[in-house]
Each structure stands twice: as structure tokens, then as C-alpha cells.
């Protein structure tokens, strides 16, 4: 089931695309080549799995197209919230919420906050209970131009969480000028 409805969100109301099942039952919204998404919320309300459970991934959004831009968007889910599968993507001032590998895939993406804070930063919000991770990048070749860069973002929520987890032999995740609540696990 998919629901599109208004949702109240600071500082204005955003349209909401809502999914109610895990990815094994339904595909999430998928972006294609040259897209621009501004002030939209994507939400998958499937329940959060316990760590280690199989088949409970609940992507709110899957992006595999190249040259996509997101500004002021919100992505809500639990495990595997944002599937950043392939292509180049720019996320500006977005809110992304999850618990385990909530940003994952093999895209080449830049997550950034605005320099002048007229709106909240790029916020990565953890709902982890026992443990979790922000990113899981799937780089498999040494010269592959993939990875996730987080600049000027805020890590909030519960923990402990790891900043990143290698899904491939050459995974790349960079955090720069990023602030965090006291939720990052020892060893990062």
C-alpha cells in the first residue's frame, strides 16, 4: 500500500510518500536519470527488525539513476532506509532516519548541510537500540568512483552506532565537519 499525504514538518509541510511493508513484499520509490526532488518525505513504516534478522529491510527510497538532486527531503525507515544503489547524487539539507545500514549501496553521493542555517542541517538520525550503522557502502573495485561523503551533517538519536560498515572490499565513507550526539560506538 502506498499513501501520498501532507505531513507537518519544520519549517513547512511536505508531501509524504508512505510505504507500509518490507522490501520483500513491495518495491520502494525509485529515482531515475536526472531527477530533482525538493521538500518531499519518503517513509516506510514497516517495524524495525532486531539486529541480525533476515528479510526485514524496509527501504523508503531506492535511487539508481545518475545526476539526482534532493533538497529538504526526509527519508524515514528502520533497516536500509535509503538504497543509494548507483549513480551520482547530491543530498542538500535532508533528514535521514534509520537504525541499521540506513544509507547503503554503491552510489557516489554527497550529503551536505547549508552553510547559512536557515533550515536544519543535513541530519542523520539513529533509532538503534542495541547497535546500528549510518552507512554501508559496497565498493568492490580499487579504482571505482563510488562512496558516500557527509559534510556539515549532524548525527542524532540513539546508539550505539558505527559511522560506516564495509559491504565491499573497497568501501568508502567520509565524514567531514560533522557533529554528533554521544551515540557513536567505540571504534567508530
Protein backbone atom coordinates (compact mmCIF):
# COMPACT_ATOMS: atom_id res chain seq x y z
CA UNK A 1 0.00 0.00 0.00
CA UNK A 2 1.28 3.47 -0.87
CA UNK A 3 -0.14 6.66 0.64
CA UNK A 4 0.60 10.21 -0.51
CA UNK A 5 -0.49 12.78 2.09
CA UNK A 6 0.66 16.06 3.67
CA UNK A 7 2.88 15.77 6.74
CA UNK A 8 3.72 18.58 9.14
CA UNK A 9 7.48 19.13 9.21
CA UNK A 10 9.62 22.05 10.26
CA UNK A 11 9.59 24.62 8.79
CA UNK A 12 6.80 23.81 6.31
CA UNK A 13 4.50 20.97 5.32
CA UNK A 14 5.95 18.42 2.91
CA UNK A 15 4.14 15.93 0.71
CA UNK A 16 4.57 12.40 2.06
CA UNK A 17 5.05 9.13 0.18
CA UNK A 18 4.36 6.33 2.67
CA UNK A 19 5.10 2.60 2.42
CA UNK A 20 3.78 0.07 4.92
CA UNK A 21 5.74 -3.12 4.11
CA UNK A 22 9.21 -4.60 3.91
CA UNK A 23 11.08 -4.67 0.60
CA UNK A 24 10.41 -8.37 0.20
CA UNK A 25 6.73 -7.55 -0.26
CA UNK A 26 6.96 -4.32 -2.24
CA UNK A 27 9.42 -2.07 -4.06
CA UNK A 28 10.01 1.39 -2.70
CA UNK A 29 10.06 4.61 -4.73
CA UNK A 30 12.84 4.52 -7.33
CA UNK A 31 14.58 7.51 -8.90
CA UNK A 32 15.88 7.50 -12.46
CA UNK A 33 18.22 9.69 -14.56
CA UNK A 34 18.34 13.48 -13.99
CA UNK A 35 15.79 13.91 -11.22
CA UNK A 36 15.21 16.73 -8.75
CA UNK A 37 13.23 16.20 -5.54
CA UNK A 38 12.51 19.17 -3.27
CA UNK A 39 10.70 19.13 0.08
CA UNK A 40 9.25 15.60 -0.12
CA UNK A 41 9.07 12.99 2.67
CA UNK A 42 9.52 9.28 1.90
CA UNK A 43 8.51 6.94 4.72
CA UNK A 44 8.39 3.17 5.19
CA UNK A 45 6.52 2.25 8.36
CA UNK A 46 7.49 -1.44 8.47
CA UNK A 47 8.57 -2.32 12.04
CA UNK A 48 12.26 -2.10 12.93
CA UNK A 49 13.93 -5.53 12.92
CA UNK A 50 16.12 -6.89 15.68
CA UNK A 51 19.82 -6.89 14.68
CA UNK A 52 20.64 -9.90 12.53
CA UNK A 53 17.09 -10.59 11.32
CA UNK A 54 16.90 -11.50 7.64
CA UNK A 55 14.27 -10.21 5.20
CA UNK A 56 13.21 -7.15 7.21
CA UNK A 57 14.83 -4.46 5.09
CA UNK A 58 12.38 -1.61 4.62
CA UNK A 59 13.70 0.88 2.09
CA UNK A 60 11.79 4.13 1.86
CA UNK A 61 13.69 5.16 -1.27
CA UNK A 62 15.88 3.46 -3.87
CA UNK A 63 18.00 5.54 -6.21
CA UNK A 64 19.88 4.05 -9.13
CA UNK A 65 19.73 6.88 -11.65
CA UNK A 66 22.57 9.29 -12.35
CA UNK A 67 22.66 13.04 -11.58
CA UNK A 68 19.91 13.27 -8.97
CA UNK A 69 19.39 16.19 -6.59
CA UNK A 70 17.49 16.18 -3.29
CA UNK A 71 16.87 19.31 -1.21
CA UNK A 72 14.94 19.49 2.04
CA UNK A 73 13.75 15.90 1.67
CA UNK A 74 13.08 13.48 4.52
CA UNK A 75 13.64 9.70 4.44
CA UNK A 76 12.14 7.57 7.24
CA UNK A 77 12.64 3.87 7.79
CA UNK A 78 14.44 1.38 10.01
CA UNK A 79 16.84 -1.04 8.36
CA UNK A 80 18.16 0.05 4.94
CA UNK A 81 16.14 3.30 4.75
CA UNK A 82 17.90 4.81 1.71
CA UNK A 83 19.20 2.48 -1.00
CA UNK A 84 21.83 4.65 -2.73
CA UNK A 85 22.39 1.95 -5.33
CA UNK A 86 24.26 3.56 -8.23
CA UNK A 87 24.94 6.92 -9.87
CA UNK A 88 25.93 10.40 -8.69
CA UNK A 89 23.63 12.10 -6.16
CA UNK A 90 23.53 15.31 -4.14
CA UNK A 91 21.54 15.47 -0.89
CA UNK A 92 21.24 19.00 0.50
CA UNK A 93 19.73 19.68 3.93
CA UNK A 94 17.98 16.32 4.08
CA UNK A 95 16.83 14.30 7.10
CA UNK A 96 17.53 10.55 7.01
CA UNK A 97 16.35 8.25 9.80
CA UNK A 98 17.07 4.58 10.39
CA UNK A 99 18.79 2.03 12.58
CA UNK A 100 20.92 -0.47 10.66
CA UNK A 101 22.79 0.50 7.45
CA UNK A 102 20.24 3.23 6.94
CA UNK A 103 22.17 4.58 3.94
CA UNK A 104 23.56 1.73 1.83
CA UNK A 105 24.57 0.84 -1.70
CA UNK A 106 27.24 1.68 -4.24
CA UNK A 107 26.35 5.24 -5.29
CA UNK A 108 28.67 8.24 -5.45
CA UNK A 109 26.85 10.65 -3.19
CA UNK A 110 27.39 13.90 -1.34
CA UNK A 111 25.30 14.66 1.76
CA UNK A 112 25.64 18.30 2.79
CA UNK A 113 24.24 20.94 5.12
CA UNK A 114 23.71 24.54 4.12
CA UNK A 115 26.41 26.95 5.28
CA UNK A 116 23.90 29.55 6.48
CA UNK A 117 21.45 27.69 8.70
CA UNK A 118 18.04 28.95 7.57
CA UNK A 119 16.88 25.35 7.83
CA UNK A 120 18.12 22.40 9.93
CA UNK A 121 21.36 20.75 8.85
CA UNK A 122 21.64 17.54 6.94
CA UNK A 123 20.58 15.29 9.83
CA UNK A 124 21.30 11.58 10.15
CA UNK A 125 19.04 10.28 12.93
CA UNK A 126 19.65 6.88 14.51
CA UNK A 127 16.90 4.77 16.06
CA UNK A 128 19.35 1.98 17.00
CA UNK A 129 18.62 0.07 20.19
CA UNK A 130 21.46 -2.46 20.59
CA UNK A 131 23.68 -1.24 17.75
CA UNK A 132 23.44 0.15 14.24
CA UNK A 133 25.37 1.87 11.48
CA UNK A 134 24.83 5.00 9.43
CA UNK A 135 26.31 3.84 6.14
CA UNK A 136 27.18 0.60 4.39
CA UNK A 137 28.99 1.24 1.10
CA UNK A 138 29.53 -1.54 -1.43
CA UNK A 139 32.73 -0.53 -3.29
CA UNK A 140 34.17 -3.63 -4.97
CA UNK A 141 36.98 -2.33 -7.21
CA UNK A 142 40.07 -0.32 -6.19
CA UNK A 143 39.56 2.33 -8.92
CA UNK A 144 35.76 2.50 -8.64
CA UNK A 145 34.47 6.08 -8.24
CA UNK A 146 31.87 5.37 -5.56
CA UNK A 147 31.38 6.27 -1.92
CA UNK A 148 29.45 8.47 0.48
CA UNK A 149 30.67 11.88 1.72
CA UNK A 150 28.91 13.57 4.65
CA UNK A 151 29.86 17.24 5.11
CA UNK A 152 28.45 19.51 7.80
CA UNK A 153 25.91 16.92 8.91
CA UNK A 154 24.57 16.16 12.40
CA UNK A 155 24.31 12.66 13.89
CA UNK A 156 21.45 12.49 16.38
CA UNK A 157 19.31 9.91 18.13
CA UNK A 158 20.09 6.72 19.98
CA UNK A 159 23.00 4.36 19.76
CA UNK A 160 25.48 2.97 19.83
CA UNK A 161 26.04 3.31 16.10
CA UNK A 162 29.01 2.90 13.81
CA UNK A 163 29.70 5.58 11.24
CA UNK A 164 30.12 3.07 8.45
CA UNK A 165 30.35 -0.58 7.59
CA UNK A 166 32.17 -2.12 4.63
CA UNK A 167 29.85 -4.06 2.33
CA UNK A 168 32.58 -4.43 -0.28
CA UNK A 169 36.35 -4.83 -0.30
CA UNK A 170 36.91 -1.15 -1.29
CA UNK A 171 34.15 0.65 0.62
CA UNK A 172 34.49 4.43 1.02
CA UNK A 173 32.65 6.62 3.55
CA UNK A 174 33.91 10.06 4.64
CA UNK A 175 32.58 12.29 7.43
CA UNK A 176 33.87 15.89 7.49
CA UNK A 177 32.87 18.79 9.76
CA UNK A 178 30.12 16.60 11.19
CA UNK A 179 28.80 16.93 14.75
CA UNK A 180 27.36 14.09 16.78
CA UNK A 181 25.31 13.37 19.86
CA UNK A 182 27.06 10.92 22.19
CA UNK A 183 25.92 7.91 20.14
CA UNK A 184 28.98 6.82 18.12
CA UNK A 185 30.29 3.39 19.20
CA UNK A 186 33.91 2.96 20.24
CA UNK A 187 35.93 2.27 17.14
CA UNK A 188 33.65 4.50 15.09
